Amino acid sequence: MKHADAVCSAYRSQTKPLTTPRSYDSIIRWGRRTLPLYAAALEKLRALEAPKADRAAVATWLAADRKVQGAVRDLVAAAQRRDYPSVTAAASRAQLAGNASRRAANALGLQVCGTFATTGR
């Protein structure tokens, strides 16, 4: 599982978490920078060979991450439409899926993937 934490660490070094956005454009810019990196990290994580005993837990973790990815796509699309209710709904879905992902990663003993990204401040 060390390799999974390395992938998460590399992803975090390339991105910043979205703090409280001040505009639709800031959401769009963040999403355009972040989504391709997130997709690449998910591909790398899926390619890792999980121990047989952990495969179901890994599948649960990666499913939650795919939900994060989908919610973030929806968030960016809603921001492009300037649709505040949809932005709020997508942000909530992303947050819930992120929480599920962190719980699943923690259950696997992951040190980096199971924690919140920090803003560096």
PDB file of N, CA and C in Angstrom:
ATOM      1  N   MET A   1       0.817  -1.196   0.000  1.00  0.00           N
ATOM      2  CA  MET A   1       0.000   0.000   0.000  1.00  0.00           C
ATOM      3  C   MET A   1       0.867   1.268   0.000  1.00  0.00           C
ATOM      4  N   LYS A   2       2.161   1.099   0.197  1.00  0.00           N
ATOM      5  CA  LYS A   2       3.058   2.255   0.148  1.00  0.00           C
ATOM      6  C   LYS A   2       2.996   2.938  -1.216  1.00  0.00           C
ATOM      7  N   HIS A   3       2.831   2.124  -2.260  1.00  0.00           N
ATOM      8  CA  HIS A   3       2.774   2.691  -3.604  1.00  0.00           C
ATOM      9  C   HIS A   3       1.552   3.586  -3.771  1.00  0.00           C
ATOM     10  N   ALA A   4       0.437   3.207  -3.152  1.00  0.00           N
ATOM     11  CA  ALA A   4      -0.770   4.037  -3.226  1.00  0.00           C
ATOM     12  C   ALA A   4      -0.524   5.379  -2.546  1.00  0.00           C
ATOM     13  N   ASP A   5       0.098   5.370  -1.384  1.00  0.00           N
ATOM     14  CA  ASP A   5       0.407   6.635  -0.708  1.00  0.00           C
ATOM     15  C   ASP A   5       1.351   7.488  -1.546  1.00  0.00           C
ATOM     16  N   ALA A   6       2.256   6.857  -2.273  1.00  0.00           N
ATOM     17  CA  ALA A   6       3.173   7.608  -3.141  1.00  0.00           C
ATOM     18  C   ALA A   6       2.400   8.296  -4.269  1.00  0.00           C
ATOM     19  N   VAL A   7       1.412   7.610  -4.827  1.00  0.00           N
ATOM     20  CA  VAL A   7       0.583   8.209  -5.875  1.00  0.00           C
ATOM     21  C   VAL A   7      -0.192   9.397  -5.307  1.00  0.00           C
ATOM     22  N   CYS A   8      -0.779   9.221  -4.139  1.00  0.00           N
ATOM     23  CA  CYS A   8      -1.530  10.315  -3.504  1.00  0.00           C
ATOM     24  C   CYS A   8      -0.624  11.499  -3.187  1.00  0.00           C
ATOM     25  N   SER A   9       0.572  11.207  -2.728  1.00  0.00           N
ATOM     26  CA  SER A   9       1.526  12.267  -2.414  1.00  0.00           C
ATOM     27  C   SER A   9       1.925  13.044  -3.672  1.00  0.00           C
ATOM     28  N   ALA A  10       2.176  12.333  -4.752  1.00  0.00           N
ATOM     29  CA  ALA A  10       2.541  12.987  -6.012  1.00  0.00           C
ATOM     30  C   ALA A  10       1.391  13.859  -6.510  1.00  0.00           C
ATOM     31  N   TYR A  11       0.172  13.349  -6.418  1.00  0.00           N
ATOM     32  CA  TYR A  11      -0.997  14.129  -6.833  1.00  0.00           C
ATOM     33  C   TYR A  11      -1.095  15.410  -6.002  1.00  0.00           C
ATOM     34  N   ARG A  12      -0.972  15.272  -4.710  1.00  0.00           N
ATOM     35  CA  ARG A  12      -1.093  16.448  -3.823  1.00  0.00           C
ATOM     36  C   ARG A  12      -0.003  17.475  -4.078  1.00  0.00           C
ATOM     37  N   SER A  13       1.173  17.004  -4.460  1.00  0.00           N
ATOM     38  CA  SER A  13       2.258  17.960  -4.716  1.00  0.00           C
ATOM     39  C   SER A  13       1.989  18.790  -5.975  1.00  0.00           C
ATOM     40  N   GLN A  14       1.097  18.302  -6.835  1.00  0.00           N
ATOM     41  CA  GLN A  14       0.790  18.996  -8.089  1.00  0.00           C
ATOM     42  C   GLN A  14      -0.469  19.843  -8.027  1.00  0.00           C
ATOM     43  N   THR A  15      -1.239  19.703  -6.950  1.00  0.00           N
ATOM     44  CA  THR A  15      -2.531  20.386  -6.872  1.00  0.00           C
ATOM     45  C   THR A  15      -2.685  21.128  -5.554  1.00  0.00           C
ATOM     46  N   LYS A  16      -3.669  21.993  -5.544  1.00  0.00           N
ATOM     47  CA  LYS A  16      -4.057  22.680  -4.311  1.00  0.00           C
ATOM     48  C   LYS A  16      -5.514  22.335  -4.048  1.00  0.00           C
ATOM     49  N   PRO A  17      -5.886  22.149  -2.788  1.00  0.00           N
ATOM     50  CA  PRO A  17      -7.307  21.927  -2.516  1.00  0.00           C
ATOM     51  C   PRO A  17      -8.100  23.199  -2.815  1.00  0.00           C
ATOM     52  N   LEU A  18      -9.356  23.031  -3.181  1.00  0.00           N
ATOM     53  CA  LEU A  18     -10.225  24.177  -3.410  1.00  0.00           C
ATOM     54  C   LEU A  18     -10.748  24.628  -2.063  1.00  0.00           C
ATOM     55  N   THR A  19     -10.284  25.789  -1.627  1.00  0.00           N
ATOM     56  CA  THR A  19     -10.808  26.339  -0.377  1.00  0.00           C
ATOM     57  C   THR A  19     -12.116  27.041  -0.730  1.00  0.00           C
ATOM     58  N   THR A  20     -12.524  28.003  -0.008  1.00  0.00           N
ATOM     59  CA  THR A  20     -13.773  28.693  -0.314  1.00  0.00           C
ATOM     60  C   THR A  20     -13.603  29.505  -1.596  1.00  0.00           C
ATOM     61  N   PRO A  21     -14.241  29.053  -2.677  1.00  0.00           N
ATOM     62  CA  PRO A  21     -14.078  29.786  -3.942  1.00  0.00           C
ATOM     63  C   PRO A  21     -14.785  31.135  -3.881  1.00  0.00           C
ATOM     64  N   ARG A  22     -14.194  32.097  -4.529  1.00  0.00           N
ATOM     65  CA  ARG A  22     -14.751  33.450  -4.535  1.00  0.00           C
ATOM     66  C   ARG A  22     -15.570  33.736  -5.796  1.00  0.00           C
ATOM     67  N   SER A  23     -15.477  32.847  -6.787  1.00  0.00           N
ATOM     68  CA  SER A  23     -16.202  33.089  -8.034  1.00  0.00           C
ATOM     69  C   SER A  23     -16.388  31.779  -8.792  1.00  0.00           C
ATOM     70  N   TYR A  24     -17.317  31.804  -9.735  1.00  0.00           N
ATOM     71  CA  TYR A  24     -17.488  30.648 -10.605  1.00  0.00           C
ATOM     72  C   TYR A  24     -16.203  30.385 -11.383  1.00  0.00           C
ATOM     73  N   ASP A  25     -15.549  31.465 -11.828  1.00  0.00           N
ATOM     74  CA  ASP A  25     -14.321  31.303 -12.606  1.00  0.00           C
ATOM     75  C   ASP A  25     -13.219  30.617 -11.810  1.00  0.00           C
ATOM     76  N   SER A  26     -13.157  30.869 -10.502  1.00  0.00           N
ATOM     77  CA  SER A  26     -12.123  30.196  -9.700  1.00  0.00           C
ATOM     78  C   SER A  26     -12.400  28.698  -9.610  1.00  0.00           C
ATOM     79  N   ILE A  27     -13.665  28.307  -9.568  1.00  0.00           N
ATOM     80  CA  ILE A  27     -14.019  26.885  -9.570  1.00  0.00           C
ATOM     81  C   ILE A  27     -13.623  26.262 -10.904  1.00  0.00           C
ATOM     82  N   ILE A  28     -13.924  26.956 -11.977  1.00  0.00           N
ATOM     83  CA  ILE A  28     -13.614  26.444 -13.316  1.00  0.00           C
ATOM     84  C   ILE A  28     -12.112  26.284 -13.491  1.00  0.00           C
ATOM     85  N   ARG A  29     -11.332  27.309 -13.120  1.00  0.00           N
ATOM     86  CA  ARG A  29      -9.860  27.222 -13.244  1.00  0.00           C
ATOM     87  C   ARG A  29      -9.314  26.067 -12.416  1.00  0.00           C
ATOM     88  N   TRP A  30      -9.781  25.949 -11.162  1.00  0.00           N
ATOM     89  CA  TRP A  30      -9.328  24.863 -10.293  1.00  0.00           C
ATOM     90  C   TRP A  30      -9.664  23.508 -10.911  1.00  0.00           C
ATOM     91  N   GLY A  31     -10.887  23.363 -11.382  1.00  0.00           N
ATOM     92  CA  GLY A  31     -11.303  22.090 -11.971  1.00  0.00           C
ATOM     93  C   GLY A  31     -10.513  21.726 -13.208  1.00  0.00           C
ATOM     94  N   ARG A  32     -10.255  22.696 -14.049  1.00  0.00           N
ATOM     95  CA  ARG A  32      -9.484  22.423 -15.283  1.00  0.00           C
ATOM     96  C   ARG A  32      -8.058  21.989 -14.970  1.00  0.00           C
ATOM     97  N   ARG A  33      -7.484  22.525 -13.913  1.00  0.00           N
ATOM     98  CA  ARG A  33      -6.128  22.117 -13.514  1.00  0.00           C
ATOM     99  C   ARG A  33      -6.151  20.765 -12.799  1.00  0.00           C
ATOM    100  N   THR A  34      -7.153  20.559 -11.975  1.00  0.00           N
ATOM    101  CA  THR A  34      -7.171  19.418 -11.065  1.00  0.00           C
ATOM    102  C   THR A  34      -7.717  18.135 -11.681  1.00  0.00           C
ATOM    103  N   LEU A  35      -8.787  18.217 -12.451  1.00  0.00           N
ATOM    104  CA  LEU A  35      -9.428  16.991 -12.949  1.00  0.00           C
ATOM    105  C   LEU A  35      -8.504  16.088 -13.761  1.00  0.00           C
ATOM    106  N   PRO A  36      -7.693  16.619 -14.689  1.00  0.00           N
ATOM    107  CA  PRO A  36      -6.797  15.709 -15.427  1.00  0.00           C
ATOM    108  C   PRO A  36      -5.778  15.023 -14.505  1.00  0.00           C
ATOM    109  N   LEU A  37      -5.290  15.738 -13.507  1.00  0.00           N
ATOM    110  CA  LEU A  37      -4.336  15.154 -12.560  1.00  0.00           C
ATOM    111  C   LEU A  37      -5.019  14.104 -11.689  1.00  0.00           C
ATOM    112  N   TYR A  38      -6.255  14.375 -11.296  1.00  0.00           N
ATOM    113  CA  TYR A  38      -7.022  13.420 -10.480  1.00  0.00           C
ATOM    114  C   TYR A  38      -7.278  12.145 -11.281  1.00  0.00           C
ATOM    115  N   ALA A  39      -7.683  12.311 -12.537  1.00  0.00           N
ATOM    116  CA  ALA A  39      -7.936  11.152 -13.394  1.00  0.00           C
ATOM    117  C   ALA A  39      -6.668  10.317 -13.573  1.00  0.00           C
ATOM    118  N   ALA A  40      -5.542  10.976 -13.764  1.00  0.00           N
ATOM    119  CA  ALA A  40      -4.269  10.256 -13.923  1.00  0.00           C
ATOM    120  C   ALA A  40      -3.903   9.511 -12.644  1.00  0.00           C
ATOM    121  N   ALA A  41      -4.114  10.144 -11.503  1.00  0.00           N
ATOM    122  CA  ALA A  41      -3.814   9.476 -10.227  1.00  0.00           C
ATOM    123  C   ALA A  41      -4.718   8.265 -10.030  1.00  0.00           C
ATOM    124  N   LEU A  42      -6.004   8.392 -10.379  1.00  0.00           N
ATOM    125  CA  LEU A  42      -6.913   7.253 -10.253  1.00  0.00           C
ATOM    126  C   LEU A  42      -6.473   6.096 -11.150  1.00  0.00           C
ATOM    127  N   GLU A  43      -6.030   6.410 -12.345  1.00  0.00           N
ATOM    128  CA  GLU A  43      -5.539   5.356 -13.249  1.00  0.00           C
ATOM    129  C   GLU A  43      -4.338   4.635 -12.635  1.00  0.00           C
ATOM    130  N   LYS A  44      -3.430   5.396 -12.060  1.00  0.00           N
ATOM    131  CA  LYS A  44      -2.258   4.788 -11.423  1.00  0.00           C
ATOM    132  C   LYS A  44      -2.669   3.916 -10.239  1.00  0.00           C
ATOM    133  N   LEU A  45      -3.627   4.395  -9.461  1.00  0.00           N
ATOM    134  CA  LEU A  45      -4.093   3.617  -8.311  1.00  0.00           C
ATOM    135  C   LEU A  45      -4.785   2.331  -8.759  1.00  0.00           C
ATOM    136  N   ARG A  46      -5.593   2.423  -9.810  1.00  0.00           N
ATOM    137  CA  ARG A  46      -6.273   1.225 -10.326  1.00  0.00           C
ATOM    138  C   ARG A  46      -5.274   0.204 -10.857  1.00  0.00           C
ATOM    139  N   ALA A  47      -4.147   0.673 -11.368  1.00  0.00           N
ATOM    140  CA  ALA A  47      -3.149  -0.222 -11.952  1.00  0.00           C
ATOM    141  C   ALA A  47      -2.331  -0.967 -10.894  1.00  0.00           C
ATOM    142  N   LEU A  48      -2.350  -0.483  -9.655  1.00  0.00           N
ATOM    143  CA  LEU A  48      -1.596  -1.153  -8.597  1.00  0.00           C
ATOM    144  C   LEU A  48      -2.240  -2.488  -8.248  1.00  0.00           C
ATOM    145  N   GLU A  49      -1.433  -3.466  -7.943  1.00  0.00           N
ATOM    146  CA  GLU A  49      -1.928  -4.788  -7.547  1.00  0.00           C
ATOM    147  C   GLU A  49      -2.136  -4.805  -6.037  1.00  0.00           C
ATOM    148  N   ALA A  50      -3.394  -4.880  -5.636  1.00  0.00           N
ATOM    149  CA  ALA A  50      -3.707  -4.913  -4.202  1.00  0.00           C
ATOM    150  C   ALA A  50      -3.547  -6.337  -3.682  1.00  0.00           C
ATOM    151  N   PRO A  51      -3.136  -6.471  -2.423  1.00  0.00           N
ATOM    152  CA  PRO A  51      -3.102  -7.809  -1.824  1.00  0.00           C
ATOM    153  C   PRO A  51      -4.502  -8.423  -1.894  1.00  0.00           C
ATOM    154  N   LYS A  52      -4.556  -9.711  -2.100  1.00  0.00           N
ATOM    155  CA  LYS A  52      -5.838 -10.397  -2.269  1.00  0.00           C
ATOM    156  C   LYS A  52      -6.807 -10.086  -1.131  1.00  0.00           C
ATOM    157  N   ALA A  53      -6.310 -10.061   0.082  1.00  0.00           N
ATOM    158  CA  ALA A  53      -7.166  -9.813   1.245  1.00  0.00           C
ATOM    159  C   ALA A  53      -7.751  -8.400   1.256  1.00  0.00           C
ATOM    160  N   ASP A  54      -7.129  -7.473   0.545  1.00  0.00           N
ATOM    161  CA  ASP A  54      -7.567  -6.072   0.554  1.00  0.00           C
ATOM    162  C   ASP A  54      -8.349  -5.666  -0.689  1.00  0.00           C
ATOM    163  N   ARG A  55      -8.534  -6.562  -1.625  1.00  0.00           N
ATOM    164  CA  ARG A  55      -9.128  -6.171  -2.915  1.00  0.00           C
ATOM    165  C   ARG A  55     -10.524  -5.572  -2.788  1.00  0.00           C
ATOM    166  N   ALA A  56     -11.358  -6.127  -1.947  1.00  0.00           N
ATOM    167  CA  ALA A  56     -12.713  -5.579  -1.786  1.00  0.00           C
ATOM    168  C   ALA A  56     -12.649  -4.177  -1.170  1.00  0.00           C
ATOM    169  N   ALA A  57     -11.797  -4.000  -0.193  1.00  0.00           N
ATOM    170  CA  ALA A  57     -11.659  -2.686   0.447  1.00  0.00           C
ATOM    171  C   ALA A  57     -11.082  -1.667  -0.531  1.00  0.00           C
ATOM    172  N   VAL A  58     -10.134  -2.093  -1.347  1.00  0.00           N
ATOM    173  CA  VAL A  58      -9.563  -1.197  -2.358  1.00  0.00           C
ATOM    174  C   VAL A  58     -10.635  -0.807  -3.371  1.00  0.00           C
ATOM    175  N   ALA A  59     -11.459  -1.755  -3.769  1.00  0.00           N
ATOM    176  CA  ALA A  59     -12.541  -1.463  -4.714  1.00  0.00           C
ATOM    177  C   ALA A  59     -13.507  -0.428  -4.121  1.00  0.00           C
ATOM    178  N   THR A  60     -13.818  -0.550  -2.854  1.00  0.00           N
ATOM    179  CA  THR A  60     -14.693   0.409  -2.176  1.00  0.00           C
ATOM    180  C   THR A  60     -14.050   1.795  -2.164  1.00  0.00           C
ATOM    181  N   TRP A  61     -12.769   1.837  -1.848  1.00  0.00           N
ATOM    182  CA  TRP A  61     -12.036   3.104  -1.807  1.00  0.00           C
ATOM    183  C   TRP A  61     -12.031   3.775  -3.178  1.00  0.00           C
ATOM    184  N   LEU A  62     -11.677   3.016  -4.209  1.00  0.00           N
ATOM    185  CA  LEU A  62     -11.595   3.599  -5.549  1.00  0.00           C
ATOM    186  C   LEU A  62     -12.974   3.989  -6.082  1.00  0.00           C
ATOM    187  N   ALA A  63     -14.019   3.269  -5.682  1.00  0.00           N
ATOM    188  CA  ALA A  63     -15.379   3.650  -6.081  1.00  0.00           C
ATOM    189  C   ALA A  63     -15.737   5.014  -5.487  1.00  0.00           C
ATOM    190  N   ALA A  64     -15.348   5.238  -4.248  1.00  0.00           N
ATOM    191  CA  ALA A  64     -15.595   6.549  -3.628  1.00  0.00           C
ATOM    192  C   ALA A  64     -14.822   7.636  -4.361  1.00  0.00           C
ATOM    193  N   ASP A  65     -13.592   7.328  -4.775  1.00  0.00           N
ATOM    194  CA  ASP A  65     -12.805   8.310  -5.528  1.00  0.00           C
ATOM    195  C   ASP A  65     -13.423   8.614  -6.886  1.00  0.00           C
ATOM    196  N   ARG A  66     -14.011   7.614  -7.523  1.00  0.00           N
ATOM    197  CA  ARG A  66     -14.699   7.870  -8.794  1.00  0.00           C
ATOM    198  C   ARG A  66     -15.914   8.778  -8.571  1.00  0.00           C
ATOM    199  N   LYS A  67     -16.566   8.630  -7.423  1.00  0.00           N
ATOM    200  CA  LYS A  67     -17.688   9.521  -7.098  1.00  0.00           C
ATOM    201  C   LYS A  67     -17.196  10.950  -6.887  1.00  0.00           C
ATOM    202  N   VAL A  68     -16.035  11.093  -6.266  1.00  0.00           N
ATOM    203  CA  VAL A  68     -15.437  12.428  -6.115  1.00  0.00           C
ATOM    204  C   VAL A  68     -15.210  13.029  -7.497  1.00  0.00           C
ATOM    205  N   GLN A  69     -14.600  12.250  -8.366  1.00  0.00           N
ATOM    206  CA  GLN A  69     -14.294  12.725  -9.715  1.00  0.00           C
ATOM    207  C   GLN A  69     -15.573  13.173 -10.437  1.00  0.00           C
ATOM    208  N   GLY A  70     -16.620  12.373 -10.369  1.00  0.00           N
ATOM    209  CA  GLY A  70     -17.877  12.738 -11.020  1.00  0.00           C
ATOM    210  C   GLY A  70     -18.495  13.988 -10.434  1.00  0.00           C
ATOM    211  N   ALA A  71     -18.459  14.107  -9.118  1.00  0.00           N
ATOM    212  CA  ALA A  71     -19.025  15.290  -8.462  1.00  0.00           C
ATOM    213  C   ALA A  71     -18.235  16.542  -8.817  1.00  0.00           C
ATOM    214  N   VAL A  72     -16.931  16.422  -8.929  1.00  0.00           N
ATOM    215  CA  VAL A  72     -16.110  17.587  -9.298  1.00  0.00           C
ATOM    216  C   VAL A  72     -16.392  17.981 -10.749  1.00  0.00           C
ATOM    217  N   ARG A  73     -16.553  17.000 -11.622  1.00  0.00           N
ATOM    218  CA  ARG A  73     -16.944  17.324 -13.006  1.00  0.00           C
ATOM    219  C   ARG A  73     -18.265  18.100 -13.007  1.00  0.00           C
ATOM    220  N   ASP A  74     -19.228  17.609 -12.212  1.00  0.00           N
ATOM    221  CA  ASP A  74     -20.519  18.290 -12.119  1.00  0.00           C
ATOM    222  C   ASP A  74     -20.362  19.694 -11.545  1.00  0.00           C
ATOM    223  N   LEU A  75     -19.477  19.849 -10.584  1.00  0.00           N
ATOM    224  CA  LEU A  75     -19.214  21.151  -9.970  1.00  0.00           C
ATOM    225  C   LEU A  75     -18.710  22.141 -11.017  1.00  0.00           C
ATOM    226  N   VAL A  76     -17.747  21.711 -11.819  1.00  0.00           N
ATOM    227  CA  VAL A  76     -17.192  22.586 -12.852  1.00  0.00           C
ATOM    228  C   VAL A  76     -18.260  22.923 -13.891  1.00  0.00           C
ATOM    229  N   ALA A  77     -19.031  21.931 -14.306  1.00  0.00           N
ATOM    230  CA  ALA A  77     -20.092  22.181 -15.297  1.00  0.00           C
ATOM    231  C   ALA A  77     -21.125  23.161 -14.748  1.00  0.00           C
ATOM    232  N   ALA A  78     -21.485  23.008 -13.483  1.00  0.00           N
ATOM    233  CA  ALA A  78     -22.442  23.929 -12.868  1.00  0.00           C
ATOM    234  C   ALA A  78     -21.868  25.338 -12.782  1.00  0.00           C
ATOM    235  N   ALA A  79     -20.590  25.447 -12.476  1.00  0.00           N
ATOM    236  CA  ALA A  79     -19.943  26.765 -12.423  1.00  0.00           C
ATOM    237  C   ALA A  79     -19.925  27.399 -13.809  1.00  0.00           C
ATOM    238  N   GLN A  80     -19.708  26.599 -14.834  1.00  0.00           N
ATOM    239  CA  GLN A  80     -19.721  27.131 -16.200  1.00  0.00           C
ATOM    240  C   GLN A  80     -21.099  27.675 -16.569  1.00  0.00           C
ATOM    241  N   ARG A  81     -22.151  27.043 -16.028  1.00  0.00           N
ATOM    242  CA  ARG A  81     -23.519  27.498 -16.288  1.00  0.00           C
ATOM    243  C   ARG A  81     -23.936  28.628 -15.340  1.00  0.00           C
ATOM    244  N   ARG A  82     -23.082  28.922 -14.343  1.00  0.00           N
ATOM    245  CA  ARG A  82     -23.403  29.925 -13.312  1.00  0.00           C
ATOM    246  C   ARG A  82     -24.663  29.510 -12.545  1.00  0.00           C
ATOM    247  N   ASP A  83     -24.736  28.202 -12.252  1.00  0.00           N
ATOM    248  CA  ASP A  83     -25.906  27.597 -11.614  1.00  0.00           C
ATOM    249  C   ASP A  83     -25.581  27.317 -10.148  1.00  0.00           C
ATOM    250  N   TYR A  84     -25.897  28.298  -9.293  1.00  0.00           N
ATOM    251  CA  TYR A  84     -25.523  28.191  -7.883  1.00  0.00           C
ATOM    252  C   TYR A  84     -26.112  26.965  -7.182  1.00  0.00           C
ATOM    253  N   PRO A  85     -27.406  26.649  -7.340  1.00  0.00           N
ATOM    254  CA  PRO A  85     -27.922  25.452  -6.651  1.00  0.00           C
ATOM    255  C   PRO A  85     -27.184  24.173  -7.066  1.00  0.00           C
ATOM    256  N   SER A  86     -26.845  24.054  -8.335  1.00  0.00           N
ATOM    257  CA  SER A  86     -26.120  22.862  -8.790  1.00  0.00           C
ATOM    258  C   SER A  86     -24.676  22.857  -8.301  1.00  0.00           C
ATOM    259  N   VAL A  87     -24.052  24.038  -8.209  1.00  0.00           N
ATOM    260  CA  VAL A  87     -22.703  24.132  -7.646  1.00  0.00           C
ATOM    261  C   VAL A  87     -22.718  23.635  -6.211  1.00  0.00           C
ATOM    262  N   THR A  88     -23.696  24.100  -5.446  1.00  0.00           N
ATOM    263  CA  THR A  88     -23.803  23.710  -4.042  1.00  0.00           C
ATOM    264  C   THR A  88     -24.039  22.208  -3.907  1.00  0.00           C
ATOM    265  N   ALA A  89     -24.925  21.665  -4.729  1.00  0.00           N
ATOM    266  CA  ALA A  89     -25.229  20.226  -4.671  1.00  0.00           C
ATOM    267  C   ALA A  89     -24.002  19.397  -5.047  1.00  0.00           C
ATOM    268  N   ALA A  90     -23.299  19.786  -6.096  1.00  0.00           N
ATOM    269  CA  ALA A  90     -22.111  19.041  -6.528  1.00  0.00           C
ATOM    270  C   ALA A  90     -21.001  19.133  -5.485  1.00  0.00           C
ATOM    271  N   ALA A  91     -20.839  20.301  -4.882  1.00  0.00           N
ATOM    272  CA  ALA A  91     -19.819  20.454  -3.837  1.00  0.00           C
ATOM    273  C   ALA A  91     -20.131  19.545  -2.655  1.00  0.00           C
ATOM    274  N   SER A  92     -21.397  19.458  -2.298  1.00  0.00           N
ATOM    275  CA  SER A  92     -21.793  18.570  -1.194  1.00  0.00           C
ATOM    276  C   SER A  92     -21.516  17.106  -1.542  1.00  0.00           C
ATOM    277  N   ARG A  93     -21.846  16.699  -2.768  1.00  0.00           N
ATOM    278  CA  ARG A  93     -21.572  15.317  -3.189  1.00  0.00           C
ATOM    279  C   ARG A  93     -20.076  15.026  -3.181  1.00  0.00           C
ATOM    280  N   ALA A  94     -19.288  15.981  -3.640  1.00  0.00           N
ATOM    281  CA  ALA A  94     -17.829  15.788  -3.647  1.00  0.00           C
ATOM    282  C   ALA A  94     -17.311  15.648  -2.219  1.00  0.00           C
ATOM    283  N   GLN A  95     -17.826  16.449  -1.325  1.00  0.00           N
ATOM    284  CA  GLN A  95     -17.386  16.393   0.072  1.00  0.00           C
ATOM    285  C   GLN A  95     -17.763  15.056   0.715  1.00  0.00           C
ATOM    286  N   LEU A  96     -18.983  14.604   0.484  1.00  0.00           N
ATOM    287  CA  LEU A  96     -19.418  13.320   1.036  1.00  0.00           C
ATOM    288  C   LEU A  96     -18.596  12.157   0.473  1.00  0.00           C
ATOM    289  N   ALA A  97     -18.368  12.178  -0.822  1.00  0.00           N
ATOM    290  CA  ALA A  97     -17.566  11.114  -1.443  1.00  0.00           C
ATOM    291  C   ALA A  97     -16.123  11.182  -0.955  1.00  0.00           C
ATOM    292  N   GLY A  98     -15.594  12.385  -0.760  1.00  0.00           N
ATOM    293  CA  GLY A  98     -14.241  12.534  -0.232  1.00  0.00           C
ATOM    294  C   GLY A  98     -14.125  11.964   1.171  1.00  0.00           C
ATOM    295  N   ASN A  99     -15.151  12.200   1.979  1.00  0.00           N
ATOM    296  CA  ASN A  99     -15.157  11.629   3.333  1.00  0.00           C
ATOM    297  C   ASN A  99     -15.162  10.107   3.272  1.00  0.00           C
ATOM    298  N   ALA A 100     -15.983   9.545   2.381  1.00  0.00           N
ATOM    299  CA  ALA A 100     -16.036   8.081   2.230  1.00  0.00           C
ATOM    300  C   ALA A 100     -14.698   7.548   1.745  1.00  0.00           C
ATOM    301  N   SER A 101     -14.059   8.260   0.836  1.00  0.00           N
ATOM    302  CA  SER A 101     -12.749   7.850   0.323  1.00  0.00           C
ATOM    303  C   SER A 101     -11.707   7.844   1.444  1.00  0.00           C
ATOM    304  N   ARG A 102     -11.683   8.902   2.243  1.00  0.00           N
ATOM    305  CA  ARG A 102     -10.713   8.970   3.340  1.00  0.00           C
ATOM    306  C   ARG A 102     -10.944   7.859   4.359  1.00  0.00           C
ATOM    307  N   ARG A 103     -12.209   7.582   4.682  1.00  0.00           N
ATOM    308  CA  ARG A 103     -12.506   6.485   5.617  1.00  0.00           C
ATOM    309  C   ARG A 103     -12.014   5.153   5.064  1.00  0.00           C
ATOM    310  N   ALA A 104     -12.282   4.906   3.787  1.00  0.00           N
ATOM    311  CA  ALA A 104     -11.856   3.646   3.166  1.00  0.00           C
ATOM    312  C   ALA A 104     -10.335   3.556   3.111  1.00  0.00           C
ATOM    313  N   ALA A 105      -9.672   4.672   2.791  1.00  0.00           N
ATOM    314  CA  ALA A 105      -8.208   4.681   2.744  1.00  0.00           C
ATOM    315  C   ALA A 105      -7.620   4.447   4.129  1.00  0.00           C
ATOM    316  N   ASN A 106      -8.214   5.062   5.136  1.00  0.00           N
ATOM    317  CA  ASN A 106      -7.751   4.854   6.511  1.00  0.00           C
ATOM    318  C   ASN A 106      -7.904   3.399   6.923  1.00  0.00           C
ATOM    319  N   ALA A 107      -9.012   2.776   6.528  1.00  0.00           N
ATOM    320  CA  ALA A 107      -9.239   1.370   6.864  1.00  0.00           C
ATOM    321  C   ALA A 107      -8.171   0.475   6.236  1.00  0.00           C
ATOM    322  N   LEU A 108      -7.600   0.927   5.124  1.00  0.00           N
ATOM    323  CA  LEU A 108      -6.524   0.183   4.468  1.00  0.00           C
ATOM    324  C   LEU A 108      -5.146   0.510   5.050  1.00  0.00           C
ATOM    325  N   GLY A 109      -5.111   1.453   5.977  1.00  0.00           N
ATOM    326  CA  GLY A 109      -3.842   1.827   6.592  1.00  0.00           C
ATOM    327  C   GLY A 109      -3.039   2.832   5.799  1.00  0.00           C
ATOM    328  N   LEU A 110      -3.680   3.509   4.860  1.00  0.00           N
ATOM    329  CA  LEU A 110      -2.971   4.496   4.042  1.00  0.00           C
ATOM    330  C   LEU A 110      -2.752   5.774   4.840  1.00  0.00           C
ATOM    331  N   GLN A 111      -1.534   6.276   4.789  1.00  0.00           N
ATOM    332  CA  GLN A 111      -1.164   7.445   5.578  1.00  0.00           C
ATOM    333  C   GLN A 111      -1.456   8.756   4.864  1.00  0.00           C
ATOM    334  N   VAL A 112      -1.242   8.818   3.559  1.00  0.00           N
ATOM    335  CA  VAL A 112      -1.435  10.051   2.810  1.00  0.00           C
ATOM    336  C   VAL A 112      -2.839  10.108   2.199  1.00  0.00           C
ATOM    337  N   CYS A 113      -3.242   9.028   1.560  1.00  0.00           N
ATOM    338  CA  CYS A 113      -4.535   8.999   0.881  1.00  0.00           C
ATOM    339  C   CYS A 113      -5.696   9.126   1.856  1.00  0.00           C
ATOM    340  N   GLY A 114      -5.475   8.806   3.100  1.00  0.00           N
ATOM    341  CA  GLY A 114      -6.557   8.836   4.084  1.00  0.00           C
ATOM    342  C   GLY A 114      -6.626  10.121   4.881  1.00  0.00           C
ATOM    343  N   THR A 115      -5.943  11.164   4.432  1.00  0.00           N
ATOM    344  CA  THR A 115      -5.960  12.423   5.169  1.00  0.00           C
ATOM    345  C   THR A 115      -6.420  13.561   4.275  1.00  0.00           C
ATOM    346  N   PHE A 116      -6.808  14.667   4.896  1.00  0.00           N
ATOM    347  CA  PHE A 116      -7.166  15.868   4.159  1.00  0.00           C
ATOM    348  C   PHE A 116      -5.917  16.476   3.558  1.00  0.00           C
ATOM    349  N   ALA A 117      -6.052  17.000   2.351  1.00  0.00           N
ATOM    350  CA  ALA A 117      -4.971  17.801   1.755  1.00  0.00           C
ATOM    351  C   ALA A 117      -4.958  19.129   2.508  1.00  0.00           C
ATOM    352  N   THR A 118      -3.789  19.685   2.687  1.00  0.00           N
ATOM    353  CA  THR A 118      -3.692  20.980   3.366  1.00  0.00           C
ATOM    354  C   THR A 118      -3.403  22.067   2.348  1.00  0.00           C
ATOM    355  N   THR A 119      -3.722  23.271   2.726  1.00  0.00           N
ATOM    356  CA  THR A 119      -3.532  24.409   1.819  1.00  0.00           C
ATOM    357  C   THR A 119      -2.107  24.927   1.859  1.00  0.00           C
ATOM    358  N   GLY A 120      -1.316  24.478   2.810  1.00  0.00           N
ATOM    359  CA  GLY A 120       0.053  24.954   2.914  1.00  0.00           C
ATOM    360  C   GLY A 120       0.154  26.275   3.649  1.00  0.00           C
ATOM    361  N   ARG A 121      -0.935  26.695   4.251  1.00  0.00           N
ATOM    362  CA  ARG A 121      -0.936  27.970   4.982  1.00  0.00           C
ATOM    363  C   ARG A 121      -0.779  27.764   6.442  1.00  0.00           C
TER     364      ARG A 121
END
